[in-house]
Amino acid sequence: MDYRYDTQLLIEGQGLSEEAITAYFTENFQGDCLLAVGDPSLIKIHFHTNEPWKVLEYCASLGEIYDIVVEDMERQARGLQG
């Protein structure tokens, strides 16, 4: 597995753009399985990465973030929780 952390969250804000967020992720983060969907006031993010803290920092700069889930897929693959 290339990317260890399954990172998911919601961003609530104003003037949010799926396209702009997707472009920023593509240019600035290493990862895969990107999903950035929603509308100008609420965007759902799903992304596999080795640096989830960078994703959280960027998303927090766009608005309020919540329902944050960062799961360690390597632990899950070994049958462990977390």
C-alpha atoms as a PDB file:
ATOM      1  CA  MET A   1       0.000   0.000   0.000  1.00  0.00           C
ATOM      2  CA  ASP A   2       1.487   3.307  -1.105  1.00  0.00           C
ATOM      3  CA  TYR A   3      -0.528   5.577   1.183  1.00  0.00           C
ATOM      4  CA  ARG A   4      -1.149   4.683   4.793  1.00  0.00           C
ATOM      5  CA  TYR A   5      -3.878   7.042   6.033  1.00  0.00           C
ATOM      6  CA  ASP A   6      -7.482   7.191   4.877  1.00  0.00           C
ATOM      7  CA  THR A   7      -8.378  10.820   5.632  1.00  0.00           C
ATOM      8  CA  GLN A   8     -12.001  11.973   5.601  1.00  0.00           C
ATOM      9  CA  LEU A   9     -13.646  15.197   6.734  1.00  0.00           C
ATOM     10  CA  LEU A  10     -16.216  17.851   5.993  1.00  0.00           C
ATOM     11  CA  ILE A  11     -15.389  21.501   5.286  1.00  0.00           C
ATOM     12  CA  GLU A  12     -18.071  24.090   5.974  1.00  0.00           C
ATOM     13  CA  GLY A  13     -17.459  27.536   4.547  1.00  0.00           C
ATOM     14  CA  GLN A  14     -18.395  30.025   1.863  1.00  0.00           C
ATOM     15  CA  GLY A  15     -17.461  30.007  -1.789  1.00  0.00           C
ATOM     16  CA  LEU A  16     -15.912  26.541  -1.635  1.00  0.00           C
ATOM     17  CA  SER A  17     -15.010  25.015  -4.993  1.00  0.00           C
ATOM     18  CA  GLU A  18     -14.664  21.297  -5.714  1.00  0.00           C
ATOM     19  CA  GLU A  19     -12.458  22.132  -8.695  1.00  0.00           C
ATOM     20  CA  ALA A  20     -10.114  24.470  -6.785  1.00  0.00           C
ATOM     21  CA  ILE A  21      -9.748  22.023  -3.893  1.00  0.00           C
ATOM     22  CA  THR A  22      -9.081  19.110  -6.264  1.00  0.00           C
ATOM     23  CA  ALA A  23      -6.464  21.162  -8.125  1.00  0.00           C
ATOM     24  CA  TYR A  24      -4.742  22.144  -4.859  1.00  0.00           C
ATOM     25  CA  PHE A  25      -4.609  18.523  -3.675  1.00  0.00           C
ATOM     26  CA  THR A  26      -3.260  17.347  -7.037  1.00  0.00           C
ATOM     27  CA  GLU A  27      -0.510  19.992  -7.077  1.00  0.00           C
ATOM     28  CA  ASN A  28       0.496  19.924  -3.403  1.00  0.00           C
ATOM     29  CA  PHE A  29      -0.168  16.525  -1.824  1.00  0.00           C
ATOM     30  CA  GLN A  30       1.085  13.004  -2.447  1.00  0.00           C
ATOM     31  CA  GLY A  31      -1.811  10.561  -2.360  1.00  0.00           C
ATOM     32  CA  ASP A  32      -4.632   8.865  -4.206  1.00  0.00           C
ATOM     33  CA  CYS A  33      -8.355   8.119  -4.137  1.00  0.00           C
ATOM     34  CA  LEU A  34      -9.229  11.831  -3.895  1.00  0.00           C
ATOM     35  CA  LEU A  35     -12.882  12.707  -3.572  1.00  0.00           C
ATOM     36  CA  ALA A  36     -13.885  16.360  -3.093  1.00  0.00           C
ATOM     37  CA  VAL A  37     -17.628  16.748  -3.546  1.00  0.00           C
ATOM     38  CA  GLY A  38     -20.280  19.138  -2.362  1.00  0.00           C
ATOM     39  CA  ASP A  39     -21.406  22.685  -2.934  1.00  0.00           C
ATOM     40  CA  PRO A  40     -20.096  26.199  -2.159  1.00  0.00           C
ATOM     41  CA  SER A  41     -20.969  25.844   1.549  1.00  0.00           C
ATOM     42  CA  LEU A  42     -20.071  22.199   2.309  1.00  0.00           C
ATOM     43  CA  ILE A  43     -17.426  19.898   0.828  1.00  0.00           C
ATOM     44  CA  LYS A  44     -16.746  16.255   1.704  1.00  0.00           C
ATOM     45  CA  ILE A  45     -13.096  15.196   1.431  1.00  0.00           C
ATOM     46  CA  HIS A  46     -11.799  11.651   1.128  1.00  0.00           C
ATOM     47  CA  PHE A  47      -8.083  11.109   0.442  1.00  0.00           C
ATOM     48  CA  HIS A  48      -5.397   8.473   0.985  1.00  0.00           C
ATOM     49  CA  THR A  49      -2.064  10.004   2.028  1.00  0.00           C
ATOM     50  CA  ASN A  50       0.971   9.543   4.245  1.00  0.00           C
ATOM     51  CA  GLU A  51       0.652  13.103   5.605  1.00  0.00           C
ATOM     52  CA  PRO A  52      -2.915  13.631   6.826  1.00  0.00           C
ATOM     53  CA  TRP A  53      -1.885  16.601   8.992  1.00  0.00           C
ATOM     54  CA  LYS A  54      -1.107  18.598   5.829  1.00  0.00           C
ATOM     55  CA  VAL A  55      -4.578  17.833   4.479  1.00  0.00           C
ATOM     56  CA  LEU A  56      -6.187  18.930   7.749  1.00  0.00           C
ATOM     57  CA  GLU A  57      -4.160  22.148   7.854  1.00  0.00           C
ATOM     58  CA  TYR A  58      -5.108  23.088   4.287  1.00  0.00           C
ATOM     59  CA  CYS A  59      -8.782  22.229   4.745  1.00  0.00           C
ATOM     60  CA  ALA A  60      -8.940  24.217   7.992  1.00  0.00           C
ATOM     61  CA  SER A  61      -7.685  27.243   6.048  1.00  0.00           C
ATOM     62  CA  LEU A  62     -10.824  27.023   3.863  1.00  0.00           C
ATOM     63  CA  GLY A  63     -13.433  26.924   6.612  1.00  0.00           C
ATOM     64  CA  GLU A  64     -14.574  24.959   9.627  1.00  0.00           C
ATOM     65  CA  ILE A  65     -13.605  21.274   9.513  1.00  0.00           C
ATOM     66  CA  TYR A  66     -15.478  18.519  11.341  1.00  0.00           C
ATOM     67  CA  ASP A  67     -16.438  14.838  11.240  1.00  0.00           C
ATOM     68  CA  ILE A  68     -12.702  14.193  10.886  1.00  0.00           C
ATOM     69  CA  VAL A  69     -11.624  10.572  10.492  1.00  0.00           C
ATOM     70  CA  VAL A  70      -8.020   9.488   9.947  1.00  0.00           C
ATOM     71  CA  GLU A  71      -7.680   5.720   9.749  1.00  0.00           C
ATOM     72  CA  ASP A  72      -4.406   3.814   9.560  1.00  0.00           C
ATOM     73  CA  MET A  73      -5.001   1.378   6.713  1.00  0.00           C
ATOM     74  CA  GLU A  74      -1.817  -0.584   7.493  1.00  0.00           C
ATOM     75  CA  ARG A  75      -3.158  -1.372  10.972  1.00  0.00           C
ATOM     76  CA  GLN A  76      -6.516  -2.323   9.466  1.00  0.00           C
ATOM     77  CA  ALA A  77      -4.773  -4.639   6.988  1.00  0.00           C
ATOM     78  CA  ARG A  78      -3.135  -6.412   9.934  1.00  0.00           C
ATOM     79  CA  GLY A  79      -6.529  -6.781  11.625  1.00  0.00           C
ATOM     80  CA  LEU A  80      -5.890  -4.119  14.270  1.00  0.00           C
ATOM     81  CA  GLN A  81      -8.159  -1.268  15.325  1.00  0.00           C
ATOM     82  CA  GLY A  82      -7.363   2.388  14.586  1.00  0.00           C
END
